[in-house]
Amino acid sequence: MIEYKFIHEGPESGPENGDVWMRSFFEPLTPGALTPFTSSLFAEVTARTWYLYFDRLGFDPPPRSRLVKVHAGRPYVNLSISARLDAERAGVECPPLLIDGNARPLVSAEKPGFFAGIKLGRSARKIEETLDALQAELPDLIARVSAWYQRVMGFRWSQAEILLIMEEIERVGANALLPYFAARHNLERAYRRLLSLLSNRPTRERVALIAQALGGGRGVEVDMVQHVSKLAQLAADDSAAQAWLQAGEFVNWKHSVPGTDFGEALRAFMATYGHRSFGEGEMANPRWDEKPDQLLAAVRRASPQTQQPSPTVADPAPLLAAVDGKARKEAQQLLERMRRLLELQSGGLHAFSYILAGARRWALAAGEEAAADHRLTTPEDVFFYEIEEVKEMMTGEWNISDRSGIHATAAERRAALDAWRRRRAADLLWGEREATVTEGDIPLSPGRSAGALVTLENLARSGTETILLCPTSESAAAAALPACTAIVVLQGSPIDPLAACARALGRPAVVAAAVQADGALPHLLVDGNSGKVLQS
């Protein structure tokens, strides 16, 4: 199991009474502290999705349960309420959490009798059947949400259209989030269980064994990487494309891109992935179709390589050898389950990304209407209001005469967001008490590589041997992998889509919480076998 420690002691630590909340659930999506619009939409949609998932299982979830707590600008998902339903309805064992050296149970469940055990077994099988069904339904879901997104992008945004989409976002978003929610919920549970089966090993070794046993993924992220690599290959043989990339003027990219094979390939990429972006979980961030600068910097830096690293082949033998003999069958089943769930997680995240992009477009349309009568200073200020507050502006419930109050709210929240983004986030909340992981450096993908540390923001100015630093292991960062030789993330785990993609490409990857990219960029050695990052 992963060990945590409480951050504060004494009166300022906050009470421990109440549920346990985890930040890792949305790690593949959220780049850090979020604007109020984004975090409130996550909270509303996740609560609906949680109900849809457990209702589909027949677990009778209590309606209007609080599923997301926004703390320091970050969404934390209620772990306790889902663990209770899993335990009570399907007999699913939930490993305790290790905090300050003490094992603390999430739920307490009595051993069921014979007939109760049969009923729980049927419910457990229902979980597997539902996960298989969600995987089968995924292509149709992606087609539906893609069509919804195209419809949203085609609006001229009359007031009637703004009000129409306002009523659709949360309902459509809940259905789109369902595959990701189901996959992530069960992935995290399986990951915690597998860690507990390896409890006699150090944390780094346990995580490395799991990463080695899982191997690479086959998700959307790998396809994204292949497209970016193809663009780089086409650009290498196209002087017009090279000049266009070098100029870096992409405001009107659709009209200025060369009419060559490179240009056609870029249009094809944008048709599939243009609604995505780095930091896409924050809806204030523009999508690649709007502002492709960082994406095209990755294309420019992704020089075609004659020798690609070998992908990490799944090798469960070392992990199974490290597990107690009686638990090896369970460990094997957990690994097989996790490989399937990694694929569902990737596709589910891609489906939900259409909702994020469509919600961004709706928010900007609402912001433009509010800015026209000076309720907002700029349309982009709309992201500093919660979604219900934006609705109140659109329906007139938040009176236009309160302009000074509306402006002051945005200014206050902007300052708070800046402060939250400068602080390290807690990994877990036990009630109101913050806790963080004790082991800050862990391996995500094996291998070793050296290079200069860069971020997405300065990728355009980097050299050829680069180590990419990301705040979290977000899915869309996979598009930058062809431009780097290794990845360092400040927060993440081997079950994140980016980690699975790194293993599929043979790119070393680690979590290194202490690494910084301020000022001069250091030259580092990334060891994905041990989870260490060293000055080189």
Protein backbone atom coordinates (compact mmCIF):
# COMPACT_ATOMS: atom_id res chain seq x y z
CA MET A 1 0.00 0.00 0.00
CA ILE A 2 1.04 3.62 -0.47
CA GLU A 3 2.06 5.38 2.73
CA TYR A 4 0.78 8.87 3.55
CA LYS A 5 1.63 11.37 6.24
CA PHE A 6 -0.48 14.16 7.66
CA ILE A 7 0.90 17.55 6.64
CA HIS A 8 -0.01 19.52 9.75
CA GLU A 9 -0.24 18.71 13.43
CA GLY A 10 -2.20 20.45 16.14
CA PRO A 11 -5.14 22.86 15.79
CA GLU A 12 -4.31 23.92 12.23
CA SER A 13 -4.48 20.35 10.93
CA GLY A 14 -8.29 20.28 10.65
CA PRO A 15 -10.72 17.60 11.92
CA GLU A 16 -10.46 14.00 10.71
CA ASN A 17 -14.16 13.21 11.05
CA GLY A 18 -15.91 12.54 7.75
CA ASP A 19 -15.10 10.79 4.50
CA VAL A 20 -11.77 10.27 2.72
CA TRP A 21 -11.17 12.26 -0.45
CA MET A 22 -8.53 11.45 -3.10
CA ARG A 23 -7.01 13.78 -5.69
CA SER A 24 -5.55 11.06 -7.90
CA PHE A 25 -8.88 10.25 -9.57
CA PHE A 26 -8.67 13.16 -12.04
CA GLU A 27 -4.86 13.25 -12.28
CA PRO A 28 -4.86 12.26 -15.99
CA LEU A 29 -7.04 15.30 -16.72
CA THR A 30 -6.36 18.14 -14.34
CA PRO A 31 -3.09 20.11 -14.63
CA GLY A 32 -3.31 21.58 -11.12
CA ALA A 33 -5.55 24.11 -9.39
CA LEU A 34 -8.57 24.87 -11.57
CA THR A 35 -10.70 27.92 -12.25
CA PRO A 36 -14.08 27.98 -10.45
CA PHE A 37 -15.98 27.27 -13.69
CA THR A 38 -13.91 24.17 -14.41
CA SER A 39 -13.90 22.76 -10.88
CA SER A 40 -17.64 23.33 -10.43
CA LEU A 41 -18.41 21.57 -13.72
CA PHE A 42 -16.25 18.62 -12.66
CA ALA A 43 -18.17 18.45 -9.38
CA GLU A 44 -21.62 18.56 -11.01
CA VAL A 45 -20.85 16.08 -13.78
CA THR A 46 -18.98 13.62 -11.55
CA ALA A 47 -21.88 13.42 -9.09
CA ARG A 48 -24.25 12.56 -11.92
CA THR A 49 -21.83 10.03 -13.40
CA TRP A 50 -21.29 8.34 -10.03
CA TYR A 51 -25.04 7.85 -9.71
CA LEU A 52 -25.31 6.51 -13.29
CA TYR A 53 -22.53 3.98 -12.66
CA PHE A 54 -23.75 2.54 -9.38
CA ASP A 55 -27.38 2.64 -10.51
CA ARG A 56 -26.44 0.63 -13.60
CA LEU A 57 -24.86 -1.93 -11.26
CA GLY A 58 -28.10 -2.07 -9.27
CA PHE A 59 -26.39 -0.90 -6.08
CA ASP A 60 -29.11 1.65 -5.13
CA PRO A 61 -26.81 4.67 -4.74
CA PRO A 62 -28.19 7.44 -2.52
CA PRO A 63 -29.17 10.38 -4.75
CA ARG A 64 -27.66 13.84 -4.33
CA SER A 65 -24.56 12.42 -2.63
CA ARG A 66 -21.55 14.72 -2.49
CA LEU A 67 -18.90 13.18 -4.72
CA VAL A 68 -16.41 15.99 -5.27
CA LYS A 69 -14.89 18.41 -2.81
CA VAL A 70 -12.97 21.34 -4.29
CA HIS A 71 -10.01 22.05 -2.01
CA ALA A 72 -7.34 24.64 -2.86
CA GLY A 73 -8.76 24.74 -6.37
CA ARG A 74 -8.40 21.00 -6.96
CA PRO A 75 -11.16 18.37 -7.24
CA TYR A 76 -11.00 15.55 -4.67
CA VAL A 77 -13.27 12.55 -5.20
CA ASN A 78 -15.07 10.88 -2.30
CA LEU A 79 -13.35 7.51 -1.86
CA SER A 80 -15.35 6.41 1.18
CA ILE A 81 -18.83 6.45 -0.31
CA SER A 82 -17.83 4.33 -3.32
CA ALA A 83 -15.84 1.90 -1.15
CA ARG A 84 -18.87 1.39 1.10
CA LEU A 85 -21.13 0.59 -1.85
CA ASP A 86 -18.58 -1.81 -3.35
CA ALA A 87 -18.15 -3.60 -0.01
CA GLU A 88 -21.82 -3.74 0.97
CA ARG A 89 -23.24 -4.64 -2.46
CA ALA A 90 -20.48 -6.74 -4.04
CA GLY A 91 -18.26 -7.84 -1.16
CA VAL A 92 -15.30 -6.03 -2.70
CA GLU A 93 -12.39 -5.80 -0.28
CA CYS A 94 -10.94 -2.32 0.14
CA PRO A 95 -7.35 -2.24 1.43
CA PRO A 96 -6.73 0.11 4.36
CA LEU A 97 -4.80 3.34 3.95
CA LEU A 98 -1.41 3.60 5.64
CA ILE A 99 -1.07 7.01 7.29
CA ASP A 100 1.80 7.91 9.61
CA GLY A 101 2.63 4.21 9.91
CA ASN A 102 -0.90 3.20 10.95
CA ALA A 103 -3.25 1.10 8.79
CA ARG A 104 -6.60 2.87 8.78
CA PRO A 105 -9.59 1.02 7.26
CA LEU A 106 -11.84 2.85 4.83
CA VAL A 107 -14.82 0.60 5.49
CA SER A 108 -15.66 -2.05 8.06
CA ALA A 109 -17.54 -5.03 6.65
CA GLU A 110 -18.49 -8.29 8.34
CA LYS A 111 -17.79 -11.59 6.62
CA PRO A 112 -21.00 -12.56 4.76
CA GLY A 113 -22.92 -15.78 5.33
CA PHE A 114 -23.41 -18.44 2.65
CA PHE A 115 -26.47 -17.00 0.90
CA ALA A 116 -25.29 -13.42 1.28
CA GLY A 117 -21.99 -14.48 -0.29
CA ILE A 118 -23.82 -15.86 -3.34
CA LYS A 119 -25.65 -12.56 -3.79
CA LEU A 120 -22.45 -10.56 -3.40
CA GLY A 121 -20.76 -12.80 -5.98
CA ARG A 122 -23.49 -12.05 -8.51
CA SER A 123 -23.02 -8.33 -7.91
CA ALA A 124 -19.25 -8.66 -8.34
CA ARG A 125 -19.82 -10.36 -11.71
CA LYS A 126 -22.18 -7.52 -12.63
CA ILE A 127 -19.26 -5.10 -12.23
CA GLU A 128 -17.18 -7.07 -14.75
CA GLU A 129 -20.11 -7.35 -17.17
CA THR A 130 -20.71 -3.60 -16.95
CA LEU A 131 -17.06 -2.80 -17.63
CA ASP A 132 -17.09 -5.08 -20.69
CA ALA A 133 -20.32 -3.44 -21.90
CA LEU A 134 -18.87 0.05 -21.50
CA GLN A 135 -15.85 -0.96 -23.59
CA ALA A 136 -18.15 -2.32 -26.32
CA GLU A 137 -20.29 0.84 -26.23
CA LEU A 138 -17.32 3.21 -26.39
CA PRO A 139 -17.10 3.69 -30.20
CA ASP A 140 -20.77 4.67 -30.39
CA LEU A 141 -20.39 6.99 -27.40
CA ILE A 142 -17.40 8.75 -28.98
CA ALA A 143 -19.37 9.19 -32.21
CA ARG A 144 -22.31 10.73 -30.29
CA VAL A 145 -20.27 13.16 -28.21
CA SER A 146 -18.20 14.11 -31.26
CA ALA A 147 -21.45 14.95 -33.09
CA TRP A 148 -22.61 16.97 -30.06
CA TYR A 149 -19.31 18.88 -30.08
CA GLN A 150 -19.57 19.62 -33.81
CA ARG A 151 -23.11 20.88 -33.25
CA VAL A 152 -21.91 23.17 -30.46
CA MET A 153 -19.08 24.52 -32.61
CA GLY A 154 -21.53 25.31 -35.41
CA PHE A 155 -23.71 27.64 -33.34
CA ARG A 156 -23.74 31.40 -33.87
CA TRP A 157 -24.69 31.69 -30.20
CA SER A 158 -28.00 33.43 -30.00
CA GLN A 159 -29.34 33.74 -26.48
CA ALA A 160 -31.64 30.77 -27.16
CA GLU A 161 -28.67 28.60 -28.18
CA ILE A 162 -26.72 29.64 -25.08
CA LEU A 163 -29.66 28.62 -22.88
CA LEU A 164 -30.13 25.35 -24.81
CA ILE A 165 -26.55 24.14 -24.36
CA MET A 166 -26.61 25.38 -20.76
CA GLU A 167 -29.27 22.75 -20.08
CA GLU A 168 -27.41 19.99 -21.97
CA ILE A 169 -23.85 20.18 -20.70
CA GLU A 170 -24.22 18.35 -17.40
CA ARG A 171 -26.52 15.61 -18.74
CA VAL A 172 -24.45 14.92 -21.86
CA GLY A 173 -21.25 15.27 -19.85
CA ALA A 174 -22.32 12.69 -17.25
CA ASN A 175 -22.91 10.04 -19.91
CA ALA A 176 -19.62 10.89 -21.62
CA LEU A 177 -17.67 10.61 -18.35
CA LEU A 178 -19.14 7.20 -17.44
CA PRO A 179 -16.51 4.95 -19.14
CA TYR A 180 -13.63 6.94 -17.66
CA PHE A 181 -15.25 6.99 -14.22
CA ALA A 182 -15.86 3.24 -14.23
CA ALA A 183 -12.37 2.46 -15.51
CA ARG A 184 -10.55 4.81 -13.13
CA HIS A 185 -12.57 3.74 -10.09
CA ASN A 186 -11.80 0.07 -10.67
CA LEU A 187 -8.20 0.72 -11.76
CA GLU A 188 -7.37 2.60 -8.57
CA ARG A 189 -9.00 -0.10 -6.48
CA ALA A 190 -7.06 -2.86 -8.27
CA TYR A 191 -3.82 -0.87 -8.00
CA ARG A 192 -4.23 -0.40 -4.24
CA ARG A 193 -5.00 -4.10 -3.84
CA LEU A 194 -1.95 -5.14 -5.87
CA LEU A 195 0.26 -2.83 -3.80
CA SER A 196 -1.08 -4.45 -0.63
CA LEU A 197 -0.16 -7.92 -1.96
CA LEU A 198 3.43 -6.65 -2.30
CA SER A 199 3.52 -5.01 1.13
CA ASN A 200 6.79 -6.74 2.09
CA ARG A 201 8.68 -4.73 -0.56
CA PRO A 202 9.76 -1.04 -0.57
CA THR A 203 7.35 1.33 -2.32
CA ARG A 204 9.60 2.04 -5.31
CA GLU A 205 10.16 -1.65 -5.93
CA ARG A 206 6.43 -2.42 -5.70
CA VAL A 207 5.52 0.29 -8.19
CA ALA A 208 8.34 -0.75 -10.55
CA LEU A 209 7.12 -4.35 -10.47
CA ILE A 210 3.58 -3.25 -11.33
CA ALA A 211 4.77 -1.03 -14.19
CA GLN A 212 6.89 -3.89 -15.56
CA ALA A 213 4.00 -6.35 -15.27
CA LEU A 214 1.51 -4.05 -17.01
CA GLY A 215 3.75 -3.14 -19.94
CA GLY A 216 2.67 -0.59 -22.53
CA GLY A 217 -0.86 0.40 -23.44
CA ARG A 218 -2.83 0.45 -26.69
CA GLY A 219 -4.79 3.59 -25.96
CA VAL A 220 -5.62 6.82 -27.72
CA GLU A 221 -2.36 8.32 -26.49
CA VAL A 222 -0.28 5.91 -28.60
CA ASP A 223 -2.30 6.82 -31.69
CA MET A 224 -1.75 10.49 -30.90
CA VAL A 225 2.01 9.93 -30.71
CA GLN A 226 2.04 8.09 -34.02
CA HIS A 227 0.25 11.00 -35.71
CA VAL A 228 2.73 13.55 -34.31
CA SER A 229 5.68 11.38 -35.38
CA LYS A 230 4.20 11.13 -38.88
CA LEU A 231 3.85 14.92 -39.03
CA ALA A 232 7.51 15.26 -38.05
CA GLN A 233 8.55 12.83 -40.78
CA LEU A 234 6.53 14.69 -43.41
CA ALA A 235 7.94 18.04 -42.28
CA ALA A 236 11.52 16.74 -42.52
CA ASP A 237 11.08 16.24 -46.29
CA ASP A 238 9.04 19.41 -46.90
CA SER A 239 10.92 22.72 -47.06
CA ALA A 240 7.67 24.71 -47.07
CA ALA A 241 6.51 22.95 -43.90
CA GLN A 242 9.89 23.54 -42.24
CA ALA A 243 9.75 27.25 -43.05
CA TRP A 244 6.16 27.47 -41.78
CA LEU A 245 7.04 25.73 -38.50
CA GLN A 246 10.15 27.88 -38.08
CA ALA A 247 8.16 31.11 -38.58
CA GLY A 248 5.84 30.15 -35.71
CA GLU A 249 2.89 32.25 -36.91
CA PHE A 250 -0.07 29.96 -36.28
CA VAL A 251 -2.96 32.34 -35.50
CA ASN A 252 -4.60 31.53 -38.85
CA TRP A 253 -3.01 28.12 -39.25
CA LYS A 254 -5.94 26.68 -41.23
CA HIS A 255 -5.29 29.18 -44.02
CA SER A 256 -1.51 29.51 -43.77
CA VAL A 257 -0.44 25.85 -43.51
CA PRO A 258 1.24 24.66 -46.73
CA GLY A 259 -0.97 22.74 -49.14
CA THR A 260 1.34 19.73 -49.07
CA ASP A 261 1.14 16.24 -47.58
CA PHE A 262 2.19 17.81 -44.29
CA GLY A 263 -0.73 20.26 -44.42
CA GLU A 264 -3.20 17.48 -45.20
CA ALA A 265 -1.83 15.35 -42.37
CA LEU A 266 -2.11 18.27 -39.93
CA ARG A 267 -5.74 18.84 -40.93
CA ALA A 268 -6.43 15.13 -40.43
CA PHE A 269 -4.82 15.24 -36.98
CA MET A 270 -6.91 18.26 -36.00
CA ALA A 271 -10.09 16.58 -37.23
CA THR A 272 -9.48 13.81 -34.68
CA TYR A 273 -7.60 15.57 -31.89
CA GLY A 274 -8.04 19.31 -32.44
CA HIS A 275 -10.52 19.50 -29.55
CA ARG A 276 -7.81 18.34 -27.16
CA SER A 277 -4.93 20.29 -25.61
CA PHE A 278 -2.16 20.28 -23.07
CA GLY A 279 -3.74 21.08 -19.72
CA GLU A 280 -7.12 20.22 -21.24
CA GLY A 281 -8.81 19.60 -17.89
CA GLU A 282 -8.69 23.38 -17.35
CA MET A 283 -11.39 24.75 -19.63
CA ALA A 284 -9.81 28.22 -19.65
CA ASN A 285 -6.98 26.73 -21.73
CA PRO A 286 -7.40 26.94 -25.53
CA ARG A 287 -7.66 23.72 -27.51
CA TRP A 288 -5.11 22.75 -30.18
CA ASP A 289 -7.49 23.73 -32.95
CA GLU A 290 -7.60 27.26 -31.50
CA LYS A 291 -3.94 27.65 -30.53
CA PRO A 292 -1.61 24.95 -31.85
CA ASP A 293 1.68 26.64 -30.90
CA GLN A 294 2.86 24.12 -28.28
CA LEU A 295 1.67 21.15 -30.31
CA LEU A 296 3.55 22.36 -33.39
CA ALA A 297 6.62 23.03 -31.25
CA ALA A 298 6.52 19.32 -30.40
CA VAL A 299 6.19 18.46 -34.10
CA ARG A 300 9.14 20.69 -34.94
CA ARG A 301 11.32 19.19 -32.21
CA ALA A 302 10.31 15.60 -33.00
CA SER A 303 13.13 14.96 -35.46
CA PRO A 304 12.64 11.61 -37.22
CA GLN A 305 14.79 9.03 -35.48
CA THR A 306 16.21 6.00 -37.23
CA GLN A 307 16.50 4.10 -33.94
CA GLN A 308 13.40 4.19 -31.73
CA PRO A 309 13.52 2.83 -28.15
CA SER A 310 12.07 -0.65 -27.69
CA PRO A 311 8.61 -0.74 -26.08
CA THR A 312 8.24 -2.20 -22.61
CA VAL A 313 6.87 -5.72 -23.00
CA ALA A 314 4.59 -6.83 -20.18
CA ASP A 315 6.52 -9.15 -17.87
CA PRO A 316 4.45 -10.25 -14.86
CA ALA A 317 6.90 -12.97 -13.74
CA PRO A 318 8.97 -10.81 -11.31
CA LEU A 319 5.81 -9.45 -9.67
CA LEU A 320 4.23 -12.88 -9.32
CA ALA A 321 7.45 -14.22 -7.83
CA ALA A 322 7.36 -11.43 -5.23
CA VAL A 323 3.78 -12.21 -4.17
CA ASP A 324 2.92 -14.84 -1.58
CA GLY A 325 2.09 -18.14 -3.31
CA LYS A 326 -1.53 -18.14 -2.14
CA ALA A 327 -2.12 -14.70 -3.68
CA ARG A 328 -0.53 -15.29 -7.10
CA LYS A 329 -3.77 -16.23 -8.82
CA GLU A 330 -5.42 -13.06 -7.54
CA ALA A 331 -2.41 -10.97 -8.61
CA GLN A 332 -2.55 -12.45 -12.12
CA GLN A 333 -6.27 -11.67 -12.36
CA LEU A 334 -5.70 -8.12 -11.13
CA LEU A 335 -3.04 -7.52 -13.80
CA GLU A 336 -5.25 -8.84 -16.60
CA ARG A 337 -8.09 -6.68 -15.36
CA MET A 338 -5.89 -3.58 -15.14
CA ARG A 339 -4.65 -3.99 -18.72
CA ARG A 340 -8.25 -4.02 -19.97
CA LEU A 341 -9.15 -1.06 -17.80
CA LEU A 342 -6.20 1.00 -19.05
CA GLU A 343 -7.66 0.80 -22.55
CA LEU A 344 -11.16 1.73 -21.35
CA GLN A 345 -9.72 4.61 -19.31
CA SER A 346 -7.92 6.01 -22.35
CA GLY A 347 -10.96 5.83 -24.62
CA GLY A 348 -13.25 7.16 -21.91
CA LEU A 349 -11.01 10.15 -21.32
CA HIS A 350 -11.02 10.88 -25.06
CA ALA A 351 -14.83 10.79 -25.05
CA PHE A 352 -15.03 13.24 -22.15
CA SER A 353 -12.54 15.59 -23.81
CA TYR A 354 -15.26 16.50 -26.33
CA ILE A 355 -17.41 17.70 -23.42
CA LEU A 356 -14.57 19.79 -22.01
CA ALA A 357 -14.02 21.47 -25.39
CA GLY A 358 -17.75 22.03 -25.96
CA ALA A 359 -18.22 23.42 -22.46
CA ARG A 360 -15.32 25.81 -23.07
CA ARG A 361 -16.99 27.10 -26.23
CA TRP A 362 -20.31 27.56 -24.43
CA ALA A 363 -18.61 29.38 -21.54
CA LEU A 364 -16.88 31.79 -23.94
CA ALA A 365 -20.18 32.46 -25.71
CA ALA A 366 -21.78 33.24 -22.35
CA GLY A 367 -18.76 35.38 -21.47
CA GLU A 368 -19.05 37.34 -24.70
CA GLU A 369 -22.70 38.11 -23.97
CA ALA A 370 -21.87 39.19 -20.41
CA ALA A 371 -18.92 41.31 -21.58
CA ALA A 372 -21.12 43.09 -24.13
CA ASP A 373 -23.03 44.82 -21.32
CA HIS A 374 -19.91 45.13 -19.11
CA ARG A 375 -20.92 42.56 -16.52
CA LEU A 376 -17.56 40.98 -17.33
CA THR A 377 -14.40 42.90 -18.16
CA THR A 378 -13.41 40.31 -20.79
CA PRO A 379 -15.15 37.14 -22.04
CA GLU A 380 -12.35 35.03 -20.51
CA ASP A 381 -13.34 36.21 -17.02
CA VAL A 382 -16.28 33.81 -17.28
CA PHE A 383 -14.02 31.01 -16.01
CA PHE A 384 -13.76 32.70 -12.61
CA TYR A 385 -17.42 31.99 -11.88
CA GLU A 386 -18.99 28.66 -10.99
CA ILE A 387 -21.24 27.13 -13.61
CA GLU A 388 -24.40 27.89 -11.59
CA GLU A 389 -23.31 31.54 -11.34
CA VAL A 390 -22.82 31.70 -15.11
CA LYS A 391 -26.31 30.28 -15.53
CA GLU A 392 -27.64 32.98 -13.19
CA MET A 393 -25.98 35.63 -15.35
CA MET A 394 -27.57 34.17 -18.48
CA THR A 395 -31.06 33.99 -16.95
CA GLY A 396 -30.83 37.39 -15.24
CA GLU A 397 -30.93 36.01 -11.68
CA TRP A 398 -27.56 37.65 -11.00
CA ASN A 399 -28.67 41.19 -11.60
CA ILE A 400 -26.81 43.24 -14.19
CA SER A 401 -26.83 46.19 -11.78
CA ASP A 402 -24.35 44.35 -9.53
CA ARG A 403 -21.43 44.92 -11.91
CA SER A 404 -19.04 45.97 -9.14
CA GLY A 405 -19.81 42.82 -7.15
CA ILE A 406 -19.40 40.63 -10.24
CA HIS A 407 -16.03 42.22 -11.07
CA ALA A 408 -14.81 41.96 -7.46
CA THR A 409 -15.68 38.24 -7.38
CA ALA A 410 -13.49 37.56 -10.43
CA ALA A 411 -10.57 39.57 -9.03
CA GLU A 412 -10.72 37.82 -5.66
CA ARG A 413 -10.86 34.37 -7.23
CA ARG A 414 -8.06 35.13 -9.67
CA ALA A 415 -5.79 36.03 -6.73
CA ALA A 416 -6.81 32.86 -4.86
CA LEU A 417 -6.10 30.70 -7.91
CA ASP A 418 -2.63 32.21 -8.32
CA ALA A 419 -1.88 31.37 -4.68
CA TRP A 420 -3.20 27.80 -5.00
CA ARG A 421 -1.08 27.14 -8.08
CA ARG A 422 2.07 28.03 -6.16
CA ARG A 423 1.50 25.46 -3.42
CA ARG A 424 1.91 21.70 -3.37
CA ALA A 425 -1.44 19.99 -3.26
CA ALA A 426 -2.41 17.44 -0.64
CA ASP A 427 -2.83 13.94 -2.07
CA LEU A 428 -5.57 12.93 0.34
CA LEU A 429 -8.06 14.55 2.69
CA TRP A 430 -9.24 12.59 5.72
CA GLY A 431 -12.22 14.71 6.59
CA GLU A 432 -10.61 18.14 6.51
CA ARG A 433 -7.11 16.97 7.40
CA GLU A 434 -4.51 17.05 4.61
CA ALA A 435 -2.11 14.20 3.92
CA THR A 436 0.56 13.64 1.30
CA VAL A 437 2.49 10.59 0.07
CA THR A 438 5.72 9.91 1.91
CA GLU A 439 7.58 8.59 -1.15
CA GLY A 440 7.94 11.46 -3.63
CA ASP A 441 9.93 9.60 -6.31
CA ILE A 442 8.56 6.48 -8.02
CA PRO A 443 9.13 4.76 -11.39
CA LEU A 444 6.43 4.82 -14.08
CA SER A 445 8.23 3.42 -17.13
CA PRO A 446 11.62 1.63 -17.22
CA GLY A 447 14.75 2.76 -19.03
CA ARG A 448 17.43 5.44 -18.62
CA SER A 449 17.92 8.70 -20.51
CA ALA A 450 19.75 12.00 -20.04
CA GLY A 451 18.93 15.46 -21.32
CA ALA A 452 18.00 19.05 -20.52
CA LEU A 453 14.82 19.54 -18.51
CA VAL A 454 12.11 21.41 -20.45
CA THR A 455 8.44 22.23 -20.02
CA LEU A 456 5.74 22.45 -22.65
CA GLU A 457 6.03 26.24 -22.47
CA ASN A 458 9.71 26.31 -23.50
CA LEU A 459 9.76 23.24 -25.74
CA ALA A 460 10.12 25.45 -28.84
CA ARG A 461 13.48 26.74 -27.54
CA SER A 462 14.86 23.36 -26.49
CA GLY A 463 17.60 21.25 -28.03
CA THR A 464 17.48 17.69 -29.28
CA GLU A 465 18.02 15.73 -26.03
CA THR A 466 15.20 16.81 -23.73
CA ILE A 467 13.49 15.59 -20.57
CA LEU A 468 9.87 16.76 -20.45
CA LEU A 469 8.56 18.03 -17.10
CA CYS A 470 4.77 17.92 -16.57
CA PRO A 471 2.80 18.96 -13.45
CA THR A 472 0.72 15.76 -13.66
CA SER A 473 0.68 12.72 -15.91
CA GLU A 474 -2.07 14.15 -18.08
CA SER A 475 -3.18 12.19 -21.12
CA ALA A 476 -2.67 14.87 -23.80
CA ALA A 477 0.99 15.33 -22.86
CA ALA A 478 1.55 12.15 -24.87
CA ALA A 479 1.55 14.33 -27.99
CA ALA A 480 4.88 15.79 -26.85
CA LEU A 481 6.59 12.42 -26.34
CA PRO A 482 8.12 12.32 -29.85
CA ALA A 483 10.01 15.50 -28.92
CA CYS A 484 11.60 14.13 -25.73
CA THR A 485 13.66 11.19 -24.55
CA ALA A 486 12.11 10.84 -21.07
CA ILE A 487 9.36 12.26 -18.85
CA VAL A 488 9.33 13.60 -15.31
CA VAL A 489 5.96 14.29 -13.68
CA LEU A 490 5.42 15.93 -10.31
CA GLN A 491 2.42 13.75 -9.49
CA GLY A 492 1.19 10.53 -11.05
CA SER A 493 1.09 6.73 -10.98
CA PRO A 494 1.75 3.80 -13.36
CA ILE A 495 -1.98 3.45 -14.05
CA ASP A 496 -2.19 6.88 -15.72
CA PRO A 497 -2.59 6.90 -19.54
CA LEU A 498 0.61 8.90 -20.04
CA ALA A 499 2.61 6.30 -18.09
CA ALA A 500 1.10 3.46 -20.13
CA CYS A 501 1.94 5.36 -23.32
CA ALA A 502 5.52 5.96 -22.18
CA ARG A 503 5.94 2.22 -21.61
CA ALA A 504 4.48 1.50 -25.06
CA LEU A 505 7.11 3.80 -26.59
CA GLY A 506 10.03 2.73 -24.41
CA ARG A 507 10.38 6.20 -22.86
CA PRO A 508 11.66 6.30 -19.26
CA ALA A 509 9.25 8.07 -16.91
CA VAL A 510 9.29 8.85 -13.20
CA VAL A 511 7.40 10.82 -10.58
CA ALA A 512 9.85 13.26 -9.01
CA ALA A 513 8.03 15.69 -6.75
CA ALA A 514 11.09 17.83 -5.96
CA VAL A 515 12.19 18.62 -9.54
CA GLN A 516 11.76 22.25 -10.60
CA ALA A 517 12.15 24.04 -13.94
CA ASP A 518 12.65 27.57 -12.60
CA GLY A 519 15.48 29.65 -14.08
CA ALA A 520 18.29 27.75 -15.81
CA LEU A 521 17.21 24.34 -17.07
CA PRO A 522 19.22 21.55 -15.42
CA HIS A 523 20.68 18.57 -17.25
CA LEU A 524 19.27 15.39 -15.72
CA LEU A 525 19.57 11.64 -15.83
CA VAL A 526 16.18 9.93 -15.57
CA ASP A 527 16.28 6.35 -14.31
CA GLY A 528 12.87 4.78 -14.87
CA ASN A 529 14.04 1.49 -13.37
CA SER A 530 14.68 2.89 -9.89
CA GLY A 531 12.49 6.00 -10.01
CA LYS A 532 15.44 8.32 -9.45
CA VAL A 533 16.31 11.62 -11.15
CA LEU A 534 19.95 12.70 -10.90
CA GLN A 535 21.98 15.70 -12.02
CA SER A 536 24.12 14.65 -14.98
